[in-house]
Amino acid sequence: MSATEQFVAQIAIFPFNFAPTGWAFCDGQILPLSQNTALFSLLGTTYGGNGESNFALPDFQGRVPIHPGQGPGLSLRDLGEFGGEDSVTLLESELPAHTHSVTVKIPAGGTANTDSPLNAFPATFADGAQLDGKSALFYTQPTDPNLIQMATITADISTFPAGASLPHSNIQPTLFLNFCIALQGVFPPRT
């Protein structure tokens, strides 16, 4: 690309490790206004600088370019605005509601105290016993005051935070290339 083929302030991606002649890295560097009046007239102080003696180039270091505006269901983004984070620590309030299945085993003990299966559960069976109350033994209410009576059990299950409140990477799969801006070229016409 020659200096006359690109627009002033045009941004291009280069796969090599230097900015070509007439271009500068989009790394937020401050340029003197007096030597770059055409570029300043297009960028102004959108990306920084004092606007009297200098101005800044866009800074793409560690950033992904996104078109400004407001897409459906998205937040408004202004030209030159920074956004996003390299890493994020999730809060419990940011996690969706979910459930866990729980398996609980409660050991029971005591002595059988009835031979009637009515409102009781099996305790022991003799060989050849049937659940007809004649030779089976059943538990009803515990006779030992230290034992609990079996009934419906309701329990609250608590979970504990995981991840030790450490941030996780928030960066999409990325290939790092050099973004450069044209310092010279044709002044872009407005349509």
C-alpha atoms as a PDB file:
ATOM      1  CA  MET A   1       0.000   0.000   0.000  1.00  0.00           C
ATOM      2  CA  SER A   2       1.449   3.396  -0.858  1.00  0.00           C
ATOM      3  CA  ALA A   3       0.780   6.467   1.226  1.00  0.00           C
ATOM      4  CA  THR A   4      -1.684   7.724  -1.410  1.00  0.00           C
ATOM      5  CA  GLU A   5      -3.845   4.584  -1.481  1.00  0.00           C
ATOM      6  CA  GLN A   6      -5.116   4.645   2.085  1.00  0.00           C
ATOM      7  CA  PHE A   7      -7.192   7.209   3.917  1.00  0.00           C
ATOM      8  CA  VAL A   8      -5.651   9.234   6.713  1.00  0.00           C
ATOM      9  CA  ALA A   9      -6.664   7.500  10.002  1.00  0.00           C
ATOM     10  CA  GLN A  10      -7.435   4.216   8.237  1.00  0.00           C
ATOM     11  CA  ILE A  11      -6.663   1.278  10.531  1.00  0.00           C
ATOM     12  CA  ALA A  12      -5.171  -1.930   9.139  1.00  0.00           C
ATOM     13  CA  ILE A  13      -3.889  -5.170  10.633  1.00  0.00           C
ATOM     14  CA  PHE A  14      -0.318  -6.239   9.885  1.00  0.00           C
ATOM     15  CA  PRO A  15       1.236  -9.645  10.649  1.00  0.00           C
ATOM     16  CA  PHE A  16       4.783  -8.315  11.040  1.00  0.00           C
ATOM     17  CA  ASN A  17       6.477  -6.676  14.036  1.00  0.00           C
ATOM     18  CA  PHE A  18       6.860  -3.101  12.752  1.00  0.00           C
ATOM     19  CA  ALA A  19       4.656  -0.251  11.587  1.00  0.00           C
ATOM     20  CA  PRO A  20       5.216   0.519   7.880  1.00  0.00           C
ATOM     21  CA  THR A  21       6.402   3.961   6.822  1.00  0.00           C
ATOM     22  CA  GLY A  22       3.525   6.441   7.133  1.00  0.00           C
ATOM     23  CA  TRP A  23       1.758   4.266   9.717  1.00  0.00           C
ATOM     24  CA  ALA A  24       1.910   4.053  13.528  1.00  0.00           C
ATOM     25  CA  PHE A  25       0.983   1.327  15.992  1.00  0.00           C
ATOM     26  CA  CYS A  26      -2.444   1.741  17.572  1.00  0.00           C
ATOM     27  CA  ASP A  27      -0.888   1.713  21.029  1.00  0.00           C
ATOM     28  CA  GLY A  28      -2.302   4.905  22.541  1.00  0.00           C
ATOM     29  CA  GLN A  29       0.810   6.966  21.822  1.00  0.00           C
ATOM     30  CA  ILE A  30       0.568  10.745  22.071  1.00  0.00           C
ATOM     31  CA  LEU A  31       1.350  12.652  18.850  1.00  0.00           C
ATOM     32  CA  PRO A  32       2.047  16.364  18.412  1.00  0.00           C
ATOM     33  CA  LEU A  33      -0.934  18.132  16.888  1.00  0.00           C
ATOM     34  CA  SER A  34       1.249  20.547  14.886  1.00  0.00           C
ATOM     35  CA  GLN A  35       2.777  17.710  12.810  1.00  0.00           C
ATOM     36  CA  ASN A  36      -0.448  15.723  12.342  1.00  0.00           C
ATOM     37  CA  THR A  37      -3.224  18.252  11.698  1.00  0.00           C
ATOM     38  CA  ALA A  38      -5.133  16.104   9.169  1.00  0.00           C
ATOM     39  CA  LEU A  39      -5.113  13.093  11.498  1.00  0.00           C
ATOM     40  CA  PHE A  40      -6.114  15.269  14.474  1.00  0.00           C
ATOM     41  CA  SER A  41      -9.015  16.756  12.494  1.00  0.00           C
ATOM     42  CA  LEU A  42     -10.419  13.203  12.187  1.00  0.00           C
ATOM     43  CA  LEU A  43      -9.609  11.803  15.643  1.00  0.00           C
ATOM     44  CA  GLY A  44      -9.733  14.866  17.879  1.00  0.00           C
ATOM     45  CA  THR A  45      -9.297  13.851  21.517  1.00  0.00           C
ATOM     46  CA  THR A  46     -11.559  10.798  21.195  1.00  0.00           C
ATOM     47  CA  TYR A  47      -8.661   8.571  22.307  1.00  0.00           C
ATOM     48  CA  GLY A  48      -6.913  11.040  24.638  1.00  0.00           C
ATOM     49  CA  GLY A  49      -4.550  13.990  24.602  1.00  0.00           C
ATOM     50  CA  ASN A  50      -5.147  17.610  25.556  1.00  0.00           C
ATOM     51  CA  GLY A  51      -6.393  18.813  22.134  1.00  0.00           C
ATOM     52  CA  GLU A  52      -4.203  21.927  22.314  1.00  0.00           C
ATOM     53  CA  SER A  53      -0.740  20.582  21.588  1.00  0.00           C
ATOM     54  CA  ASN A  54      -1.285  16.828  21.285  1.00  0.00           C
ATOM     55  CA  PHE A  55      -3.742  13.981  20.805  1.00  0.00           C
ATOM     56  CA  ALA A  56      -3.668  10.199  21.265  1.00  0.00           C
ATOM     57  CA  LEU A  57      -3.968   7.338  18.826  1.00  0.00           C
ATOM     58  CA  PRO A  58      -6.399   4.501  19.556  1.00  0.00           C
ATOM     59  CA  ASP A  59      -4.967   1.880  21.926  1.00  0.00           C
ATOM     60  CA  PHE A  60      -5.621  -1.695  20.777  1.00  0.00           C
ATOM     61  CA  GLN A  61      -3.111  -3.269  23.190  1.00  0.00           C
ATOM     62  CA  GLY A  62      -4.946  -6.242  24.699  1.00  0.00           C
ATOM     63  CA  ARG A  63      -8.279  -5.065  23.270  1.00  0.00           C
ATOM     64  CA  VAL A  64     -10.723  -6.250  20.641  1.00  0.00           C
ATOM     65  CA  PRO A  65     -12.274  -3.656  18.282  1.00  0.00           C
ATOM     66  CA  ILE A  66     -16.061  -3.433  18.340  1.00  0.00           C
ATOM     67  CA  HIS A  67     -18.281  -1.111  16.303  1.00  0.00           C
ATOM     68  CA  PRO A  68     -19.821   1.674  18.435  1.00  0.00           C
ATOM     69  CA  GLY A  69     -23.559   1.989  18.841  1.00  0.00           C
ATOM     70  CA  GLN A  70     -26.279  -0.095  20.402  1.00  0.00           C
ATOM     71  CA  GLY A  71     -27.266  -3.452  18.967  1.00  0.00           C
ATOM     72  CA  PRO A  72     -30.600  -5.108  19.856  1.00  0.00           C
ATOM     73  CA  GLY A  73     -30.555  -6.038  23.537  1.00  0.00           C
ATOM     74  CA  LEU A  74     -27.064  -4.577  24.043  1.00  0.00           C
ATOM     75  CA  SER A  75     -25.693  -1.562  25.905  1.00  0.00           C
ATOM     76  CA  LEU A  76     -24.838   1.685  24.104  1.00  0.00           C
ATOM     77  CA  ARG A  77     -21.119   1.969  23.281  1.00  0.00           C
ATOM     78  CA  ASP A  78     -19.537   5.275  22.259  1.00  0.00           C
ATOM     79  CA  LEU A  79     -16.649   5.750  19.819  1.00  0.00           C
ATOM     80  CA  GLY A  80     -13.373   5.530  21.775  1.00  0.00           C
ATOM     81  CA  GLU A  81     -14.964   3.953  24.870  1.00  0.00           C
ATOM     82  CA  PHE A  82     -13.077   1.177  26.665  1.00  0.00           C
ATOM     83  CA  GLY A  83     -14.928  -1.864  27.966  1.00  0.00           C
ATOM     84  CA  GLY A  84     -14.502  -5.407  29.187  1.00  0.00           C
ATOM     85  CA  GLU A  85     -12.162  -7.098  31.637  1.00  0.00           C
ATOM     86  CA  ASP A  86      -9.248  -9.535  31.258  1.00  0.00           C
ATOM     87  CA  SER A  87     -10.494 -11.603  34.185  1.00  0.00           C
ATOM     88  CA  VAL A  88     -13.667 -11.816  36.259  1.00  0.00           C
ATOM     89  CA  THR A  89     -14.514 -13.125  39.715  1.00  0.00           C
ATOM     90  CA  LEU A  90     -18.068 -14.448  39.677  1.00  0.00           C
ATOM     91  CA  LEU A  91     -20.345 -13.679  42.594  1.00  0.00           C
ATOM     92  CA  GLU A  92     -22.908 -16.132  43.926  1.00  0.00           C
ATOM     93  CA  SER A  93     -25.654 -13.734  42.769  1.00  0.00           C
ATOM     94  CA  GLU A  94     -24.399 -14.106  39.159  1.00  0.00           C
ATOM     95  CA  LEU A  95     -24.836 -17.878  39.075  1.00  0.00           C
ATOM     96  CA  PRO A  96     -28.113 -19.371  37.837  1.00  0.00           C
ATOM     97  CA  ALA A  97     -30.388 -21.236  40.224  1.00  0.00           C
ATOM     98  CA  HIS A  98     -29.682 -24.937  40.190  1.00  0.00           C
ATOM     99  CA  THR A  99     -30.373 -28.085  42.176  1.00  0.00           C
ATOM    100  CA  HIS A 100     -28.359 -31.000  43.427  1.00  0.00           C
ATOM    101  CA  SER A 101     -29.600 -34.481  44.243  1.00  0.00           C
ATOM    102  CA  VAL A 102     -28.745 -35.705  47.715  1.00  0.00           C
ATOM    103  CA  THR A 103     -28.532 -39.267  48.976  1.00  0.00           C
ATOM    104  CA  VAL A 104     -28.821 -39.650  52.736  1.00  0.00           C
ATOM    105  CA  LYS A 105     -28.468 -42.835  54.756  1.00  0.00           C
ATOM    106  CA  ILE A 106     -29.800 -42.792  58.308  1.00  0.00           C
ATOM    107  CA  PRO A 107     -28.871 -45.751  60.450  1.00  0.00           C
ATOM    108  CA  ALA A 108     -31.710 -47.055  62.619  1.00  0.00           C
ATOM    109  CA  GLY A 109     -31.415 -49.115  65.738  1.00  0.00           C
ATOM    110  CA  GLY A 110     -33.544 -50.505  68.495  1.00  0.00           C
ATOM    111  CA  THR A 111     -35.577 -53.564  69.267  1.00  0.00           C
ATOM    112  CA  ALA A 112     -38.676 -54.737  67.430  1.00  0.00           C
ATOM    113  CA  ASN A 113     -41.712 -53.913  69.531  1.00  0.00           C
ATOM    114  CA  THR A 114     -44.723 -55.277  67.646  1.00  0.00           C
ATOM    115  CA  ASP A 115     -45.722 -58.102  65.387  1.00  0.00           C
ATOM    116  CA  SER A 116     -48.327 -55.988  63.550  1.00  0.00           C
ATOM    117  CA  PRO A 117     -47.324 -54.417  60.215  1.00  0.00           C
ATOM    118  CA  LEU A 118     -49.927 -51.631  60.656  1.00  0.00           C
ATOM    119  CA  ASN A 119     -48.134 -48.230  60.621  1.00  0.00           C
ATOM    120  CA  ALA A 120     -44.788 -49.940  61.118  1.00  0.00           C
ATOM    121  CA  PHE A 121     -41.800 -51.013  59.063  1.00  0.00           C
ATOM    122  CA  PRO A 122     -39.957 -54.359  58.964  1.00  0.00           C
ATOM    123  CA  ALA A 123     -37.388 -54.961  61.652  1.00  0.00           C
ATOM    124  CA  THR A 124     -36.362 -58.599  61.456  1.00  0.00           C
ATOM    125  CA  PHE A 125     -37.690 -61.706  59.768  1.00  0.00           C
ATOM    126  CA  ALA A 126     -37.412 -65.285  60.839  1.00  0.00           C
ATOM    127  CA  ASP A 127     -36.632 -67.801  58.114  1.00  0.00           C
ATOM    128  CA  GLY A 128     -39.773 -68.360  56.072  1.00  0.00           C
ATOM    129  CA  ALA A 129     -41.556 -65.381  57.675  1.00  0.00           C
ATOM    130  CA  GLN A 130     -44.254 -63.505  55.793  1.00  0.00           C
ATOM    131  CA  LEU A 131     -45.475 -59.942  56.190  1.00  0.00           C
ATOM    132  CA  ASP A 132     -48.717 -61.104  57.773  1.00  0.00           C
ATOM    133  CA  GLY A 133     -47.837 -60.304  61.365  1.00  0.00           C
ATOM    134  CA  LYS A 134     -47.575 -63.940  62.453  1.00  0.00           C
ATOM    135  CA  SER A 135     -43.800 -64.445  62.454  1.00  0.00           C
ATOM    136  CA  ALA A 136     -42.352 -61.059  61.375  1.00  0.00           C
ATOM    137  CA  LEU A 137     -41.288 -58.365  63.784  1.00  0.00           C
ATOM    138  CA  PHE A 138     -41.767 -54.629  63.155  1.00  0.00           C
ATOM    139  CA  TYR A 139     -40.769 -51.265  64.543  1.00  0.00           C
ATOM    140  CA  THR A 140     -43.413 -48.737  65.483  1.00  0.00           C
ATOM    141  CA  GLN A 141     -42.523 -45.923  67.853  1.00  0.00           C
ATOM    142  CA  PRO A 142     -39.159 -46.249  69.546  1.00  0.00           C
ATOM    143  CA  THR A 143     -39.250 -47.494  73.104  1.00  0.00           C
ATOM    144  CA  ASP A 144     -35.776 -46.138  73.828  1.00  0.00           C
ATOM    145  CA  PRO A 145     -36.077 -42.376  74.625  1.00  0.00           C
ATOM    146  CA  ASN A 146     -32.657 -41.792  73.010  1.00  0.00           C
ATOM    147  CA  LEU A 147     -33.886 -42.962  69.589  1.00  0.00           C
ATOM    148  CA  ILE A 148     -35.743 -40.657  67.241  1.00  0.00           C
ATOM    149  CA  GLN A 149     -39.116 -41.593  65.838  1.00  0.00           C
ATOM    150  CA  MET A 150     -38.984 -42.217  62.085  1.00  0.00           C
ATOM    151  CA  ALA A 151     -41.100 -39.739  60.177  1.00  0.00           C
ATOM    152  CA  THR A 152     -40.849 -37.440  57.193  1.00  0.00           C
ATOM    153  CA  ILE A 153     -37.549 -35.640  57.356  1.00  0.00           C
ATOM    154  CA  THR A 154     -37.121 -32.191  55.851  1.00  0.00           C
ATOM    155  CA  ALA A 155     -33.617 -30.818  55.566  1.00  0.00           C
ATOM    156  CA  ASP A 156     -32.018 -27.661  54.271  1.00  0.00           C
ATOM    157  CA  ILE A 157     -28.983 -28.329  52.119  1.00  0.00           C
ATOM    158  CA  SER A 158     -26.275 -25.693  52.040  1.00  0.00           C
ATOM    159  CA  THR A 159     -23.578 -25.356  49.451  1.00  0.00           C
ATOM    160  CA  PHE A 160     -20.290 -23.646  49.976  1.00  0.00           C
ATOM    161  CA  PRO A 161     -18.544 -21.296  47.554  1.00  0.00           C
ATOM    162  CA  ALA A 162     -16.059 -22.955  45.254  1.00  0.00           C
ATOM    163  CA  GLY A 163     -13.159 -21.441  43.366  1.00  0.00           C
ATOM    164  CA  ALA A 164     -11.725 -19.636  46.397  1.00  0.00           C
ATOM    165  CA  SER A 165     -13.003 -16.298  44.993  1.00  0.00           C
ATOM    166  CA  LEU A 166     -10.260 -16.348  42.378  1.00  0.00           C
ATOM    167  CA  PRO A 167     -10.813 -14.659  39.012  1.00  0.00           C
ATOM    168  CA  HIS A 168     -11.053 -16.714  35.850  1.00  0.00           C
ATOM    169  CA  SER A 169      -9.862 -15.677  32.403  1.00  0.00           C
ATOM    170  CA  ASN A 170     -12.414 -13.763  30.392  1.00  0.00           C
ATOM    171  CA  ILE A 171     -10.426 -13.676  27.126  1.00  0.00           C
ATOM    172  CA  GLN A 172     -11.790 -15.315  24.004  1.00  0.00           C
ATOM    173  CA  PRO A 173      -9.454 -17.405  21.837  1.00  0.00           C
ATOM    174  CA  THR A 174      -7.139 -14.810  20.344  1.00  0.00           C
ATOM    175  CA  LEU A 175      -4.421 -14.286  17.732  1.00  0.00           C
ATOM    176  CA  PHE A 176      -2.289 -11.223  18.402  1.00  0.00           C
ATOM    177  CA  LEU A 177      -1.526  -9.047  15.367  1.00  0.00           C
ATOM    178  CA  ASN A 178      -0.472  -5.409  14.997  1.00  0.00           C
ATOM    179  CA  PHE A 179      -3.149  -2.795  14.428  1.00  0.00           C
ATOM    180  CA  CYS A 180      -1.694   0.290  12.741  1.00  0.00           C
ATOM    181  CA  ILE A 181      -3.191   3.638  11.783  1.00  0.00           C
ATOM    182  CA  ALA A 182      -2.317   5.606   8.647  1.00  0.00           C
ATOM    183  CA  LEU A 183      -0.627   8.909   9.464  1.00  0.00           C
ATOM    184  CA  GLN A 184      -0.660   9.959   5.797  1.00  0.00           C
ATOM    185  CA  GLY A 185      -2.917   9.398   2.838  1.00  0.00           C
ATOM    186  CA  VAL A 186      -6.057  10.718   1.205  1.00  0.00           C
ATOM    187  CA  PHE A 187      -8.362  12.722   3.458  1.00  0.00           C
ATOM    188  CA  PRO A 188     -11.590  10.663   3.597  1.00  0.00           C
ATOM    189  CA  PRO A 189     -14.584  12.388   1.967  1.00  0.00           C
ATOM    190  CA  ARG A 190     -17.908  12.387   3.808  1.00  0.00           C
ATOM    191  CA  THR A 191     -20.838  10.823   2.023  1.00  0.00           C
END
